[in-house]
C-alpha atoms as a PDB file:
ATOM      1  CA  MET A   1      15.873   7.021  12.863  1.00  0.00           C
ATOM      2  CA  VAL A   2      13.750   3.972  13.722  1.00  0.00           C
ATOM      3  CA  ASN A   3      14.110   2.566  17.237  1.00  0.00           C
ATOM      4  CA  ASP A   4      11.264   0.059  17.232  1.00  0.00           C
ATOM      5  CA  ILE A   5       9.531  -2.254  14.734  1.00  0.00           C
ATOM      6  CA  VAL A   6       5.850  -2.907  15.433  1.00  0.00           C
ATOM      7  CA  VAL A   7       4.484  -6.020  13.736  1.00  0.00           C
ATOM      8  CA  GLU A   8       1.001  -7.371  13.119  1.00  0.00           C
ATOM      9  CA  SER A   9       2.418 -10.899  13.067  1.00  0.00           C
ATOM     10  CA  GLY A  10       3.015 -11.381  16.791  1.00  0.00           C
ATOM     11  CA  SER A  11       0.988 -11.788  19.974  1.00  0.00           C
ATOM     12  CA  ALA A  12       1.723  -9.241  22.693  1.00  0.00           C
ATOM     13  CA  ARG A  13       1.379 -12.068  25.191  1.00  0.00           C
ATOM     14  CA  TYR A  14       4.903 -13.084  24.201  1.00  0.00           C
ATOM     15  CA  GLN A  15       6.570  -9.652  24.264  1.00  0.00           C
ATOM     16  CA  ASP A  16       9.094 -10.874  26.840  1.00  0.00           C
ATOM     17  CA  VAL A  17       9.995 -13.796  24.564  1.00  0.00           C
ATOM     18  CA  ILE A  18      10.698 -11.620  21.532  1.00  0.00           C
ATOM     19  CA  ASP A  19      12.583  -9.091  23.680  1.00  0.00           C
ATOM     20  CA  ARG A  20      14.934 -11.824  24.877  1.00  0.00           C
ATOM     21  CA  PHE A  21      15.296 -13.318  21.407  1.00  0.00           C
ATOM     22  CA  VAL A  22      16.169 -10.165  19.441  1.00  0.00           C
ATOM     23  CA  HIS A  23      18.678  -9.156  22.121  1.00  0.00           C
ATOM     24  CA  GLY A  24      20.572 -12.410  21.664  1.00  0.00           C
ATOM     25  CA  ASP A  25      19.318 -14.611  24.500  1.00  0.00           C
ATOM     26  CA  ASN A  26      18.805 -18.324  23.962  1.00  0.00           C
ATOM     27  CA  VAL A  27      15.152 -18.998  23.083  1.00  0.00           C
ATOM     28  CA  THR A  28      14.109 -22.391  21.752  1.00  0.00           C
ATOM     29  CA  GLY A  29      12.295 -22.594  18.433  1.00  0.00           C
ATOM     30  CA  GLU A  30       9.270 -24.138  20.140  1.00  0.00           C
ATOM     31  CA  VAL A  31       8.932 -21.209  22.538  1.00  0.00           C
ATOM     32  CA  LEU A  32       9.621 -18.610  19.838  1.00  0.00           C
ATOM     33  CA  ALA A  33       6.917 -20.021  17.547  1.00  0.00           C
ATOM     34  CA  HIS A  34       4.219 -19.018  20.042  1.00  0.00           C
ATOM     35  CA  VAL A  35       4.906 -15.403  19.015  1.00  0.00           C
ATOM     36  CA  TRP A  36       3.337 -15.794  15.557  1.00  0.00           C
ATOM     37  CA  ARG A  37       1.249 -18.936  16.029  1.00  0.00           C
ATOM     38  CA  ASP A  38      -0.814 -17.693  18.970  1.00  0.00           C
ATOM     39  CA  THR A  39      -2.146 -14.449  17.486  1.00  0.00           C
ATOM     40  CA  THR A  40      -5.862 -13.798  17.078  1.00  0.00           C
ATOM     41  CA  GLN A  41      -5.463 -14.735  13.380  1.00  0.00           C
ATOM     42  CA  PRO A  42      -4.896 -18.511  13.375  1.00  0.00           C
ATOM     43  CA  GLU A  43      -2.226 -19.809  11.021  1.00  0.00           C
ATOM     44  CA  ILE A  44      -1.844 -16.699   8.839  1.00  0.00           C
ATOM     45  CA  TRP A  45       1.688 -15.920  10.051  1.00  0.00           C
ATOM     46  CA  ASP A  46       3.028 -19.491  10.145  1.00  0.00           C
ATOM     47  CA  LEU A  47       5.271 -18.995   7.115  1.00  0.00           C
ATOM     48  CA  PRO A  48       9.078 -18.670   7.060  1.00  0.00           C
ATOM     49  CA  ILE A  49       9.127 -14.979   6.088  1.00  0.00           C
ATOM     50  CA  TYR A  50       7.704 -13.834   9.437  1.00  0.00           C
ATOM     51  CA  GLU A  51      10.163 -15.825  11.536  1.00  0.00           C
ATOM     52  CA  GLU A  52      12.967 -14.635   9.261  1.00  0.00           C
ATOM     53  CA  LEU A  53      12.122 -11.006  10.098  1.00  0.00           C
ATOM     54  CA  PHE A  54      12.682 -11.658  13.805  1.00  0.00           C
ATOM     55  CA  ARG A  55      15.936 -13.468  13.068  1.00  0.00           C
ATOM     56  CA  ALA A  56      17.118 -10.606  10.852  1.00  0.00           C
ATOM     57  CA  VAL A  57      16.557  -8.114  13.692  1.00  0.00           C
ATOM     58  CA  ARG A  58      18.478 -10.410  16.035  1.00  0.00           C
ATOM     59  CA  ASP A  59      21.391 -10.507  13.549  1.00  0.00           C
ATOM     60  CA  VAL A  60      21.396  -6.709  13.194  1.00  0.00           C
ATOM     61  CA  ASN A  61      21.319  -6.226  16.977  1.00  0.00           C
ATOM     62  CA  ALA A  62      24.308  -8.530  17.402  1.00  0.00           C
ATOM     63  CA  SER A  63      26.440  -5.887  15.675  1.00  0.00           C
ATOM     64  CA  LEU A  64      25.119  -2.933  17.697  1.00  0.00           C
ATOM     65  CA  PRO A  65      25.743  -1.666  21.220  1.00  0.00           C
ATOM     66  CA  ARG A  66      22.843  -2.367  23.575  1.00  0.00           C
ATOM     67  CA  GLU A  67      21.615   1.241  23.617  1.00  0.00           C
ATOM     68  CA  ARG A  68      21.239   1.284  19.812  1.00  0.00           C
ATOM     69  CA  GLN A  69      19.614  -2.112  19.350  1.00  0.00           C
ATOM     70  CA  LEU A  70      16.207  -2.372  17.703  1.00  0.00           C
ATOM     71  CA  ARG A  71      13.201  -3.528  19.663  1.00  0.00           C
ATOM     72  CA  VAL A  72      10.381  -5.560  18.101  1.00  0.00           C
ATOM     73  CA  LEU A  73       6.945  -4.738  19.501  1.00  0.00           C
ATOM     74  CA  LEU A  74       4.194  -7.321  19.020  1.00  0.00           C
ATOM     75  CA  GLY A  75       1.012  -5.540  17.949  1.00  0.00           C
ATOM     76  CA  ASP A  76      -1.631  -8.274  18.131  1.00  0.00           C
ATOM     77  CA  PRO A  77      -3.739  -8.485  21.334  1.00  0.00           C
ATOM     78  CA  PRO A  78      -2.457 -10.956  23.974  1.00  0.00           C
ATOM     79  CA  ALA A  79      -5.116 -13.619  23.430  1.00  0.00           C
ATOM     80  CA  GLU A  80      -4.994 -16.716  25.643  1.00  0.00           C
ATOM     81  CA  TRP A  81      -6.255 -19.469  23.365  1.00  0.00           C
ATOM     82  CA  GLU A  82      -6.534 -21.984  26.178  1.00  0.00           C
ATOM     83  CA  ASN A  83      -9.326 -19.762  27.539  1.00  0.00           C
ATOM     84  CA  VAL A  84     -11.082 -19.250  24.199  1.00  0.00           C
ATOM     85  CA  HIS A  85     -14.085 -21.526  23.643  1.00  0.00           C
ATOM     86  CA  THR A  86     -16.313 -19.306  21.496  1.00  0.00           C
ATOM     87  CA  LEU A  87     -15.662 -16.527  19.013  1.00  0.00           C
ATOM     88  CA  ARG A  88     -17.045 -14.018  21.499  1.00  0.00           C
ATOM     89  CA  ASP A  89     -14.329 -14.993  23.987  1.00  0.00           C
ATOM     90  CA  LEU A  90     -11.827 -13.180  21.757  1.00  0.00           C
ATOM     91  CA  ASP A  91     -13.669  -9.883  22.294  1.00  0.00           C
ATOM     92  CA  GLN A  92     -12.186  -9.490  25.778  1.00  0.00           C
ATOM     93  CA  TRP A  93      -8.867  -8.471  24.215  1.00  0.00           C
ATOM     94  CA  GLY A  94     -10.459  -5.725  22.141  1.00  0.00           C
ATOM     95  CA  SER A  95      -9.858  -4.395  18.641  1.00  0.00           C
ATOM     96  CA  ARG A  96      -6.591  -5.288  16.922  1.00  0.00           C
ATOM     97  CA  ASP A  97      -6.174  -1.720  15.604  1.00  0.00           C
ATOM     98  CA  HIS A  98      -6.853  -0.141  18.987  1.00  0.00           C
ATOM     99  CA  HIS A  99      -4.365  -2.486  20.638  1.00  0.00           C
ATOM    100  CA  ALA A 100      -1.673  -1.672  18.073  1.00  0.00           C
ATOM    101  CA  ALA A 101      -2.259   2.065  18.513  1.00  0.00           C
ATOM    102  CA  ASP A 102      -2.009   1.667  22.303  1.00  0.00           C
ATOM    103  CA  VAL A 103       1.304  -0.191  21.912  1.00  0.00           C
ATOM    104  CA  VAL A 104       2.723   2.627  19.777  1.00  0.00           C
ATOM    105  CA  GLN A 105       1.486   5.354  22.125  1.00  0.00           C
ATOM    106  CA  ARG A 106       2.787   3.617  25.252  1.00  0.00           C
ATOM    107  CA  ASP A 107       6.031   1.999  24.122  1.00  0.00           C
ATOM    108  CA  VAL A 108       7.126   4.329  21.319  1.00  0.00           C
ATOM    109  CA  LEU A 109       5.711   7.850  21.452  1.00  0.00           C
ATOM    110  CA  ALA A 110       5.659   8.174  25.236  1.00  0.00           C
ATOM    111  CA  ARG A 111       9.366   7.319  25.225  1.00  0.00           C
ATOM    112  CA  LYS A 112      10.202   9.828  22.474  1.00  0.00           C
ATOM    113  CA  ARG A 113      11.094   7.030  20.074  1.00  0.00           C
ATOM    114  CA  HIS A 114      10.279   6.327  16.423  1.00  0.00           C
ATOM    115  CA  ALA A 115       8.755   3.176  14.964  1.00  0.00           C
ATOM    116  CA  LEU A 116       8.320   1.292  11.718  1.00  0.00           C
ATOM    117  CA  LEU A 117       4.929  -0.452  11.583  1.00  0.00           C
ATOM    118  CA  ILE A 118       4.639  -3.567   9.402  1.00  0.00           C
ATOM    119  CA  TYR A 119       0.923  -4.104   8.861  1.00  0.00           C
ATOM    120  CA  GLY A 120      -1.493  -5.078   6.115  1.00  0.00           C
ATOM    121  CA  ASP A 121      -2.991  -2.362   3.912  1.00  0.00           C
ATOM    122  CA  ASP A 122      -6.396  -2.264   5.591  1.00  0.00           C
ATOM    123  CA  HIS A 123      -4.771  -1.216   8.870  1.00  0.00           C
ATOM    124  CA  LEU A 124      -2.952   1.682   7.175  1.00  0.00           C
ATOM    125  CA  ALA A 125      -5.257   2.934   4.402  1.00  0.00           C
ATOM    126  CA  LYS A 126      -7.027   6.271   4.653  1.00  0.00           C
ATOM    127  CA  LYS A 127     -10.013   4.906   2.749  1.00  0.00           C
ATOM    128  CA  THR A 128     -11.462   1.479   2.129  1.00  0.00           C
ATOM    129  CA  ARG A 129     -10.849   0.225  -1.402  1.00  0.00           C
ATOM    130  CA  ALA A 130     -13.642  -2.373  -1.533  1.00  0.00           C
ATOM    131  CA  LEU A 131     -16.583  -1.531  -3.793  1.00  0.00           C
ATOM    132  CA  GLY A 132     -19.727  -0.612  -1.908  1.00  0.00           C
ATOM    133  CA  ALA A 133     -17.848   0.326   1.249  1.00  0.00           C
ATOM    134  CA  SER A 134     -18.680   3.481   3.168  1.00  0.00           C
ATOM    135  CA  ASP A 135     -16.845   6.686   2.280  1.00  0.00           C
ATOM    136  CA  ASP A 136     -16.109   7.163   5.970  1.00  0.00           C
ATOM    137  CA  ARG A 137     -12.455   6.815   6.843  1.00  0.00           C
ATOM    138  CA  PRO A 138     -11.819   3.399   8.449  1.00  0.00           C
ATOM    139  CA  THR A 139     -10.983   3.333  12.140  1.00  0.00           C
ATOM    140  CA  ASN A 140      -7.612   1.698  11.782  1.00  0.00           C
ATOM    141  CA  VAL A 141      -4.249   2.068  13.470  1.00  0.00           C
ATOM    142  CA  VAL A 142      -3.170   5.033  11.306  1.00  0.00           C
ATOM    143  CA  ARG A 143      -6.353   6.977  11.994  1.00  0.00           C
ATOM    144  CA  LEU A 144      -6.125   6.266  15.728  1.00  0.00           C
ATOM    145  CA  LEU A 145      -2.508   7.447  15.873  1.00  0.00           C
ATOM    146  CA  GLU A 146      -3.241  10.604  13.868  1.00  0.00           C
ATOM    147  CA  GLN A 147      -6.197  11.380  16.130  1.00  0.00           C
ATOM    148  CA  GLY A 148      -3.729  11.237  19.005  1.00  0.00           C
ATOM    149  CA  GLY A 149      -1.489  13.773  17.276  1.00  0.00           C
ATOM    150  CA  ALA A 150       1.163  11.401  15.942  1.00  0.00           C
ATOM    151  CA  PRO A 151       2.558  12.048  12.433  1.00  0.00           C
ATOM    152  CA  VAL A 152       2.323   8.914  10.272  1.00  0.00           C
ATOM    153  CA  PHE A 153       3.916   8.325   6.859  1.00  0.00           C
ATOM    154  CA  VAL A 154       2.489   5.315   5.008  1.00  0.00           C
ATOM    155  CA  VAL A 155       4.521   3.282   2.520  1.00  0.00           C
ATOM    156  CA  HIS A 156       2.395   1.020   0.298  1.00  0.00           C
ATOM    157  CA  THR A 157       3.836  -1.887  -1.697  1.00  0.00           C
ATOM    158  CA  GLU A 158       1.648  -2.362  -4.748  1.00  0.00           C
ATOM    159  CA  THR A 159       1.038  -5.985  -5.737  1.00  0.00           C
ATOM    160  CA  ARG A 160      -2.315  -5.827  -7.536  1.00  0.00           C
ATOM    161  CA  MET A 161      -1.236  -4.280 -10.831  1.00  0.00           C
ATOM    162  CA  PRO A 162       1.889  -3.626 -12.942  1.00  0.00           C
ATOM    163  CA  LEU A 163       2.774   0.004 -12.360  1.00  0.00           C
ATOM    164  CA  ASP A 164       4.410   0.434 -15.763  1.00  0.00           C
ATOM    165  CA  ALA A 165       1.023  -0.246 -17.356  1.00  0.00           C
ATOM    166  CA  ILE A 166      -0.224   2.914 -15.625  1.00  0.00           C
ATOM    167  CA  GLN A 167       2.876   5.050 -16.034  1.00  0.00           C
ATOM    168  CA  ALA A 168       5.378   3.847 -18.647  1.00  0.00           C
ATOM    169  CA  ASP A 169       8.480   5.568 -17.259  1.00  0.00           C
ATOM    170  CA  VAL A 170       8.283   3.380 -14.137  1.00  0.00           C
ATOM    171  CA  ARG A 171      10.383   0.904 -16.146  1.00  0.00           C
ATOM    172  CA  SER A 172      13.349   3.288 -15.934  1.00  0.00           C
ATOM    173  CA  TRP A 173      13.155   3.779 -12.151  1.00  0.00           C
ATOM    174  CA  PRO A 174      15.875   2.265  -9.951  1.00  0.00           C
ATOM    175  CA  ASN A 175      14.877  -0.927  -8.175  1.00  0.00           C
ATOM    176  CA  PRO A 176      13.734  -0.456  -5.466  1.00  0.00           C
ATOM    177  CA  SER A 177      12.210   3.029  -5.662  1.00  0.00           C
ATOM    178  CA  VAL A 178       9.910   5.106  -3.452  1.00  0.00           C
ATOM    179  CA  ALA A 179       7.498   7.633  -4.976  1.00  0.00           C
ATOM    180  CA  THR A 180       4.989   9.989  -3.378  1.00  0.00           C
ATOM    181  CA  LEU A 181       1.444   9.284  -4.564  1.00  0.00           C
ATOM    182  CA  ALA A 182      -0.493  12.416  -3.601  1.00  0.00           C
ATOM    183  CA  ARG A 183      -2.129  14.053  -6.638  1.00  0.00           C
ATOM    184  CA  THR A 184      -0.543  11.630  -9.137  1.00  0.00           C
ATOM    185  CA  VAL A 185      -1.943   9.194 -11.695  1.00  0.00           C
ATOM    186  CA  LEU A 186      -0.356   6.306  -9.804  1.00  0.00           C
ATOM    187  CA  GLY A 187      -1.965   7.456  -6.592  1.00  0.00           C
ATOM    188  CA  VAL A 188      -5.434   7.607  -8.137  1.00  0.00           C
ATOM    189  CA  ARG A 189      -5.169   4.115  -9.619  1.00  0.00           C
ATOM    190  CA  ILE A 190      -3.601   2.471  -6.584  1.00  0.00           C
ATOM    191  CA  THR A 191      -6.221   3.843  -4.196  1.00  0.00           C
ATOM    192  CA  SER A 192      -9.162   3.152  -6.531  1.00  0.00           C
ATOM    193  CA  ARG A 193     -11.825   0.807  -5.286  1.00  0.00           C
ATOM    194  CA  VAL A 194     -11.836  -2.830  -6.363  1.00  0.00           C
ATOM    195  CA  PRO A 195     -14.285  -5.694  -5.732  1.00  0.00           C
ATOM    196  CA  ALA A 196     -13.699  -7.206  -2.301  1.00  0.00           C
ATOM    197  CA  SER A 197     -13.349 -10.672  -3.838  1.00  0.00           C
ATOM    198  CA  SER A 198     -10.429  -9.434  -5.954  1.00  0.00           C
ATOM    199  CA  ARG A 199      -8.309  -7.949  -3.203  1.00  0.00           C
ATOM    200  CA  GLY A 200      -4.890  -9.423  -2.660  1.00  0.00           C
ATOM    201  CA  ALA A 201      -3.743 -12.927  -3.525  1.00  0.00           C
ATOM    202  CA  LEU A 202      -6.633 -14.612  -1.753  1.00  0.00           C
ATOM    203  CA  LYS A 203      -8.847 -14.313  -4.811  1.00  0.00           C
ATOM    204  CA  ASN A 204      -6.627 -16.737  -6.689  1.00  0.00           C
ATOM    205  CA  TYR A 205      -5.017 -18.762  -3.959  1.00  0.00           C
ATOM    206  CA  SER A 206      -7.215 -19.076  -0.885  1.00  0.00           C
ATOM    207  CA  THR A 207      -9.031 -22.132  -2.206  1.00  0.00           C
ATOM    208  CA  GLN A 208      -6.381 -23.202  -4.720  1.00  0.00           C
ATOM    209  CA  CYS A 209      -3.329 -23.911  -2.578  1.00  0.00           C
ATOM    210  CA  SER A 210      -2.166 -26.962  -0.716  1.00  0.00           C
ATOM    211  CA  ILE A 211      -0.017 -26.585   2.385  1.00  0.00           C
ATOM    212  CA  LEU A 212       2.320 -29.429   3.240  1.00  0.00           C
ATOM    213  CA  ASP A 213       1.700 -29.804   6.958  1.00  0.00           C
ATOM    214  CA  ARG A 214       4.636 -31.142   8.996  1.00  0.00           C
ATOM    215  CA  ARG A 215       3.230 -30.332  12.429  1.00  0.00           C
ATOM    216  CA  PRO A 216       2.366 -32.836  15.136  1.00  0.00           C
ATOM    217  CA  ALA A 217      -1.231 -34.063  15.015  1.00  0.00           C
ATOM    218  CA  SER A 218      -1.978 -32.189  18.262  1.00  0.00           C
ATOM    219  CA  ARG A 219      -0.904 -28.907  16.634  1.00  0.00           C
ATOM    220  CA  SER A 220      -3.159 -29.511  13.610  1.00  0.00           C
ATOM    221  CA  ARG A 221      -6.109 -30.342  15.870  1.00  0.00           C
ATOM    222  CA  ASP A 222      -5.585 -27.113  17.803  1.00  0.00           C
ATOM    223  CA  LEU A 223      -5.446 -25.077  14.571  1.00  0.00           C
ATOM    224  CA  MET A 224      -8.674 -26.680  13.384  1.00  0.00           C
ATOM    225  CA  ARG A 225     -10.312 -25.776  16.687  1.00  0.00           C
ATOM    226  CA  ARG A 226      -9.214 -22.155  16.372  1.00  0.00           C
ATOM    227  CA  CYS A 227     -10.358 -21.884  12.756  1.00  0.00           C
ATOM    228  CA  ALA A 228     -13.687 -23.441  13.660  1.00  0.00           C
ATOM    229  CA  LEU A 229     -14.142 -20.836  16.401  1.00  0.00           C
ATOM    230  CA  MET A 230     -13.375 -18.031  13.989  1.00  0.00           C
ATOM    231  CA  LEU A 231     -15.950 -19.278  11.463  1.00  0.00           C
ATOM    232  CA  PRO A 232     -18.420 -21.597  13.196  1.00  0.00           C
ATOM    233  CA  THR A 233     -21.264 -21.271  10.682  1.00  0.00           C
ATOM    234  CA  CYS A 234     -20.379 -18.472   8.268  1.00  0.00           C
ATOM    235  CA  ARG A 235     -20.717 -19.245   4.545  1.00  0.00           C
ATOM    236  CA  CYS A 236     -20.194 -15.781   3.080  1.00  0.00           C
ATOM    237  CA  GLU A 237     -17.686 -15.109   0.303  1.00  0.00           C
ATOM    238  CA  SER A 238     -15.522 -12.485   2.020  1.00  0.00           C
ATOM    239  CA  HIS A 239     -11.776 -13.054   1.612  1.00  0.00           C
ATOM    240  CA  VAL A 240     -11.401 -13.701   5.355  1.00  0.00           C
ATOM    241  CA  CYS A 241     -14.141 -16.330   5.474  1.00  0.00           C
ATOM    242  CA  ARG A 242     -12.860 -18.011   2.335  1.00  0.00           C
ATOM    243  CA  TYR A 243      -9.366 -18.159   3.824  1.00  0.00           C
ATOM    244  CA  PHE A 244     -10.436 -19.862   7.035  1.00  0.00           C
ATOM    245  CA  ARG A 245     -12.695 -22.336   5.236  1.00  0.00           C
ATOM    246  CA  ALA A 246      -9.800 -23.244   2.939  1.00  0.00           C
ATOM    247  CA  ARG A 247      -7.438 -23.531   5.901  1.00  0.00           C
ATOM    248  CA  ARG A 248      -9.744 -25.927   7.734  1.00  0.00           C
ATOM    249  CA  HIS A 249      -9.980 -28.030   4.589  1.00  0.00           C
ATOM    250  CA  ARG A 250      -6.197 -28.166   4.218  1.00  0.00           C
ATOM    251  CA  LEU A 251      -5.689 -29.154   7.844  1.00  0.00           C
ATOM    252  CA  ARG A 252      -8.207 -31.989   7.523  1.00  0.00           C
ATOM    253  CA  ARG A 253      -6.500 -33.117   4.322  1.00  0.00           C
ATOM    254  CA  ALA A 254      -3.073 -33.043   5.968  1.00  0.00           C
ATOM    255  CA  ARG A 255      -4.345 -35.174   8.851  1.00  0.00           C
ATOM    256  CA  SER A 256      -5.860 -37.648   6.403  1.00  0.00           C
ATOM    257  CA  LEU A 257      -2.604 -37.933   4.442  1.00  0.00           C
ATOM    258  CA  ARG A 258      -0.659 -38.454   7.650  1.00  0.00           C
ATOM    259  CA  SER A 259      -2.975 -41.193   8.867  1.00  0.00           C
ATOM    260  CA  ASN A 260      -2.676 -42.933   5.498  1.00  0.00           C
ATOM    261  CA  GLY A 261       1.106 -42.704   5.550  1.00  0.00           C
ATOM    262  CA  SER A 262       1.096 -40.560   2.422  1.00  0.00           C
ATOM    263  CA  SER A 263       3.017 -37.503   3.620  1.00  0.00           C
ATOM    264  CA  ARG A 264       6.684 -37.182   2.787  1.00  0.00           C
ATOM    265  CA  THR A 265       9.182 -37.537   5.609  1.00  0.00           C
ATOM    266  CA  ALA A 266      12.156 -35.730   4.035  1.00  0.00           C
ATOM    267  CA  PRO A 267      13.038 -32.259   5.391  1.00  0.00           C
ATOM    268  CA  ILE A 268      11.476 -29.411   3.434  1.00  0.00           C
ATOM    269  CA  ALA A 269      12.930 -26.046   2.518  1.00  0.00           C
ATOM    270  CA  PRO A 270      10.991 -22.802   3.203  1.00  0.00           C
ATOM    271  CA  ALA A 271      10.041 -22.534  -0.466  1.00  0.00           C
ATOM    272  CA  ASP A 272       8.426 -25.984  -0.273  1.00  0.00           C
ATOM    273  CA  ARG A 273       6.072 -25.005   2.533  1.00  0.00           C
ATOM    274  CA  ILE A 274       3.381 -23.933   0.075  1.00  0.00           C
ATOM    275  CA  GLU A 275       2.471 -25.446  -3.263  1.00  0.00           C
ATOM    276  CA  PHE A 276       0.277 -23.312  -5.541  1.00  0.00           C
ATOM    277  CA  ARG A 277      -1.871 -24.657  -8.307  1.00  0.00           C
ATOM    278  CA  VAL A 278      -2.659 -22.159 -11.058  1.00  0.00           C
ATOM    279  CA  PRO A 279      -6.418 -21.408 -10.949  1.00  0.00           C
ATOM    280  CA  GLN A 280      -8.590 -22.382 -13.883  1.00  0.00           C
ATOM    281  CA  THR A 281      -9.576 -19.408 -16.023  1.00  0.00           C
END
């Protein structure tokens, strides 16, 4: 049985905030937002789905006795952005994978508890799928935990390809379904290497989407500063670099629209937060 949920989408600096929130205490939205907005990955988690996870845990806990309530552990290093002026300043908080592994060892395993980790594939994979990458196993959170003797079971949600095109009987499986991948056709295809530029949705959407920014101008300026620190001069075509370049562009565009009085003032629903344009083919 799971006791704790460890998430990539939260800064450990605000562990006390999320502890109070999921246990039912009053926490303002402004204070709660620091959890996902102040991670070492600027802006990536500022979408409704990540806040909704924390609220779902809070709702579940409201129906449970205190001793059975779930705890959310924030896995990102506790960066203090007010003290970050160069990209190197972020190094003082160490590797994100090492920090997450330390959180699990200290707050889960040492207490004889069990955890569900919600992390991106690269933090969980036993090999890197990008073409040209080394065959060495990546030093990610799963490897670090297994080196420490912890058993880890990885569940992968495939989004790159239709599984029924690989194995036709997938169409008859219940929805949702879980299947073991070891020594199967699905496993071989899912773990096969793909060009780095094709991984995930960023290939199609990182430079093709427009975010409707409703944040105060001071918030947008701070995000631009953080993105600029992350990529001060880089012009490579990695998915990370392309994301941050696109994000800086969108923030500048949002500020321009606001100054011209062009942005809408009506409330927006979560589904309206992002507008995608279909890429040209």
